[in-house]
N, C-alpha and C. Protein backbone atom coordinates (compact mmCIF):
# COMPACT_ATOMS: atom_id res chain seq x y z
N MET A 1 -10.94 4.98 12.49
CA MET A 1 -10.30 3.68 12.46
C MET A 1 -10.28 3.19 11.02
N ILE A 2 -9.17 2.62 10.63
CA ILE A 2 -8.98 2.11 9.28
C ILE A 2 -8.68 0.61 9.37
N ILE A 3 -9.41 -0.18 8.61
CA ILE A 3 -9.17 -1.62 8.52
C ILE A 3 -9.04 -1.97 7.04
N ALA A 4 -7.98 -2.70 6.68
CA ALA A 4 -7.75 -3.03 5.27
C ALA A 4 -7.25 -4.45 5.15
N ALA A 5 -7.54 -5.07 3.99
CA ALA A 5 -7.07 -6.42 3.71
C ALA A 5 -6.84 -6.56 2.21
N CYS A 6 -5.89 -7.41 1.84
CA CYS A 6 -5.58 -7.66 0.44
C CYS A 6 -5.19 -9.13 0.30
N PHE A 7 -5.70 -9.78 -0.75
CA PHE A 7 -5.35 -11.17 -1.03
C PHE A 7 -4.99 -11.28 -2.50
N SER A 8 -3.88 -11.93 -2.80
CA SER A 8 -3.44 -12.13 -4.17
C SER A 8 -3.09 -13.60 -4.37
N ASN A 9 -3.57 -14.17 -5.47
CA ASN A 9 -3.30 -15.56 -5.80
C ASN A 9 -2.72 -15.59 -7.20
N LEU A 10 -1.43 -15.92 -7.34
CA LEU A 10 -0.74 -15.91 -8.62
C LEU A 10 -0.39 -17.34 -9.00
N ASN A 11 -0.94 -17.81 -10.11
CA ASN A 11 -0.68 -19.17 -10.59
C ASN A 11 -0.14 -19.11 -12.01
N TYR A 12 1.02 -19.69 -12.23
CA TYR A 12 1.58 -19.82 -13.56
C TYR A 12 1.13 -21.17 -14.13
N LEU A 13 0.55 -21.14 -15.32
CA LEU A 13 0.10 -22.38 -15.94
C LEU A 13 1.27 -23.21 -16.44
N ILE A 14 2.28 -22.55 -16.98
CA ILE A 14 3.47 -23.24 -17.47
C ILE A 14 4.67 -22.63 -16.75
N GLU A 15 5.40 -23.47 -16.04
CA GLU A 15 6.59 -23.00 -15.32
C GLU A 15 7.84 -23.46 -16.05
N PRO A 16 8.89 -22.61 -16.10
CA PRO A 16 10.12 -23.02 -16.79
C PRO A 16 10.86 -24.12 -16.03
N SER A 17 11.76 -24.76 -16.74
CA SER A 17 12.52 -25.87 -16.12
C SER A 17 13.49 -25.32 -15.08
N GLU A 18 14.05 -26.22 -14.30
CA GLU A 18 14.98 -25.85 -13.21
C GLU A 18 16.24 -25.19 -13.75
N THR A 19 16.68 -25.58 -14.93
CA THR A 19 17.90 -24.97 -15.50
C THR A 19 17.66 -23.54 -15.96
N LEU A 20 16.45 -23.22 -16.43
CA LEU A 20 16.14 -21.86 -16.87
C LEU A 20 15.76 -20.94 -15.72
N ASP A 21 15.22 -21.50 -14.63
CA ASP A 21 14.78 -20.70 -13.49
C ASP A 21 15.27 -21.35 -12.19
N PRO A 22 16.57 -21.26 -11.88
CA PRO A 22 17.09 -21.94 -10.68
C PRO A 22 16.64 -21.30 -9.36
N THR A 23 16.18 -20.05 -9.37
CA THR A 23 15.77 -19.38 -8.13
C THR A 23 14.26 -19.44 -7.90
N ASP A 24 13.53 -20.15 -8.72
CA ASP A 24 12.06 -20.27 -8.63
C ASP A 24 11.36 -18.91 -8.65
N PHE A 25 11.82 -18.02 -9.54
CA PHE A 25 11.20 -16.71 -9.67
C PHE A 25 9.78 -16.84 -10.21
N TYR A 26 9.55 -17.77 -11.12
CA TYR A 26 8.23 -17.97 -11.72
C TYR A 26 7.49 -19.10 -11.00
N ASP A 27 7.48 -19.07 -9.69
CA ASP A 27 6.77 -20.06 -8.88
C ASP A 27 5.43 -19.46 -8.46
N SER A 28 4.39 -20.28 -8.42
CA SER A 28 3.07 -19.80 -8.00
C SER A 28 3.12 -19.37 -6.53
N GLU A 29 2.31 -18.37 -6.17
CA GLU A 29 2.36 -17.87 -4.80
C GLU A 29 1.00 -17.30 -4.38
N LYS A 30 0.80 -17.24 -3.08
CA LYS A 30 -0.37 -16.61 -2.48
C LYS A 30 0.11 -15.57 -1.49
N LEU A 31 -0.58 -14.42 -1.44
CA LEU A 31 -0.17 -13.32 -0.58
C LEU A 31 -1.40 -12.81 0.16
N LEU A 32 -1.27 -12.63 1.48
CA LEU A 32 -2.33 -12.08 2.31
C LEU A 32 -1.75 -10.96 3.17
N LEU A 33 -2.32 -9.75 3.05
CA LEU A 33 -1.90 -8.61 3.85
C LEU A 33 -3.11 -8.06 4.59
N THR A 34 -2.94 -7.74 5.86
CA THR A 34 -3.99 -7.11 6.65
C THR A 34 -3.39 -5.95 7.42
N GLY A 35 -4.22 -4.97 7.71
CA GLY A 35 -3.74 -3.83 8.46
C GLY A 35 -4.85 -3.16 9.24
N ILE A 36 -4.46 -2.52 10.33
CA ILE A 36 -5.41 -1.79 11.16
C ILE A 36 -4.70 -0.53 11.64
N GLY A 37 -5.44 0.57 11.71
CA GLY A 37 -4.81 1.81 12.13
C GLY A 37 -5.81 2.82 12.65
N ILE A 38 -5.28 3.86 13.26
CA ILE A 38 -6.09 4.96 13.78
C ILE A 38 -5.55 6.23 13.12
N ASN A 39 -6.46 7.05 12.62
CA ASN A 39 -6.10 8.24 11.86
C ASN A 39 -6.81 9.45 12.46
N THR A 40 -6.07 10.53 12.68
CA THR A 40 -6.67 11.81 13.07
C THR A 40 -6.22 12.84 12.05
N ARG A 41 -7.17 13.63 11.55
CA ARG A 41 -6.83 14.58 10.51
C ARG A 41 -7.62 15.88 10.70
N GLN A 42 -6.92 16.97 10.52
CA GLN A 42 -7.53 18.30 10.51
C GLN A 42 -7.06 18.99 9.24
N PHE A 43 -7.77 20.01 8.84
CA PHE A 43 -7.40 20.77 7.65
C PHE A 43 -7.11 22.21 8.05
N ILE A 44 -6.00 22.72 7.55
CA ILE A 44 -5.66 24.13 7.78
C ILE A 44 -5.69 24.83 6.43
N GLU A 45 -6.02 26.09 6.45
CA GLU A 45 -6.09 26.87 5.22
C GLU A 45 -4.75 27.54 4.98
N ASP A 46 -4.23 27.36 3.78
CA ASP A 46 -2.93 27.92 3.42
C ASP A 46 -3.05 28.60 2.07
N ARG A 47 -2.09 29.44 1.74
CA ARG A 47 -2.12 30.16 0.47
C ARG A 47 -0.92 29.73 -0.39
N TYR A 48 -1.20 29.57 -1.68
CA TYR A 48 -0.12 29.31 -2.62
C TYR A 48 0.78 30.53 -2.74
N ILE A 49 2.07 30.31 -2.79
CA ILE A 49 3.00 31.43 -2.95
C ILE A 49 3.08 31.83 -4.43
N PHE A 50 3.14 30.86 -5.32
CA PHE A 50 3.35 31.14 -6.73
C PHE A 50 2.05 31.21 -7.54
N LYS A 51 0.88 31.11 -6.92
CA LYS A 51 -0.39 31.17 -7.64
C LYS A 51 -1.22 32.36 -7.19
N ASN A 52 -0.58 33.49 -7.01
CA ASN A 52 -1.25 34.75 -6.68
C ASN A 52 -2.09 34.67 -5.40
N GLY A 53 -1.65 33.92 -4.41
CA GLY A 53 -2.34 33.87 -3.12
C GLY A 53 -3.59 33.02 -3.10
N GLN A 54 -3.77 32.12 -4.05
CA GLN A 54 -4.94 31.24 -4.05
C GLN A 54 -4.91 30.34 -2.82
N THR A 55 -6.05 30.16 -2.14
CA THR A 55 -6.08 29.37 -0.91
C THR A 55 -6.34 27.90 -1.20
N GLU A 56 -5.85 27.07 -0.30
CA GLU A 56 -6.09 25.63 -0.37
C GLU A 56 -6.19 25.07 1.04
N ASP A 57 -6.85 23.93 1.18
CA ASP A 57 -6.95 23.23 2.46
C ASP A 57 -5.88 22.14 2.49
N VAL A 58 -5.01 22.19 3.49
CA VAL A 58 -3.91 21.24 3.64
C VAL A 58 -4.23 20.30 4.80
N PRO A 59 -4.22 18.96 4.56
CA PRO A 59 -4.48 18.03 5.66
C PRO A 59 -3.27 17.90 6.58
N VAL A 60 -3.51 17.96 7.88
CA VAL A 60 -2.47 17.82 8.90
C VAL A 60 -2.99 16.84 9.94
N GLY A 61 -2.17 15.87 10.34
CA GLY A 61 -2.62 14.92 11.34
C GLY A 61 -1.62 13.82 11.58
N ARG A 62 -2.10 12.74 12.19
CA ARG A 62 -1.27 11.60 12.54
C ARG A 62 -1.99 10.31 12.17
N ILE A 63 -1.17 9.29 11.92
CA ILE A 63 -1.72 7.96 11.70
C ILE A 63 -0.82 6.95 12.41
N TYR A 64 -1.44 6.05 13.13
CA TYR A 64 -0.75 4.95 13.80
C TYR A 64 -1.34 3.66 13.26
N GLY A 65 -0.50 2.79 12.78
CA GLY A 65 -1.02 1.57 12.20
C GLY A 65 -0.03 0.43 12.28
N ILE A 66 -0.55 -0.76 12.02
CA ILE A 66 0.26 -1.97 11.99
C ILE A 66 -0.23 -2.81 10.82
N THR A 67 0.72 -3.38 10.09
CA THR A 67 0.41 -4.19 8.93
C THR A 67 1.14 -5.52 9.05
N GLY A 68 0.47 -6.58 8.71
CA GLY A 68 1.08 -7.91 8.75
C GLY A 68 0.58 -8.74 7.60
N GLY A 69 1.32 -9.80 7.30
CA GLY A 69 0.90 -10.62 6.19
C GLY A 69 1.63 -11.95 6.13
N TYR A 70 1.23 -12.71 5.13
CA TYR A 70 1.79 -14.05 4.91
C TYR A 70 1.98 -14.24 3.42
N ARG A 71 3.12 -14.78 3.03
CA ARG A 71 3.38 -15.07 1.62
C ARG A 71 3.80 -16.50 1.50
């Protein structure tokens, strides 16, 4: 099970005037993202084709998750 969260708080000390920034691009904002998921993973052994048959472990599996947030 995977649980994750992120919070960002962006504050501009000096904001440009309305004529220079009509779309409020430089407006202060807060962002909150959360997510939860289920992960299953197995490793299979594979060989490199171009590295003289050197072996490596390749992860194979599935992940189901949902992410939501507020800005």
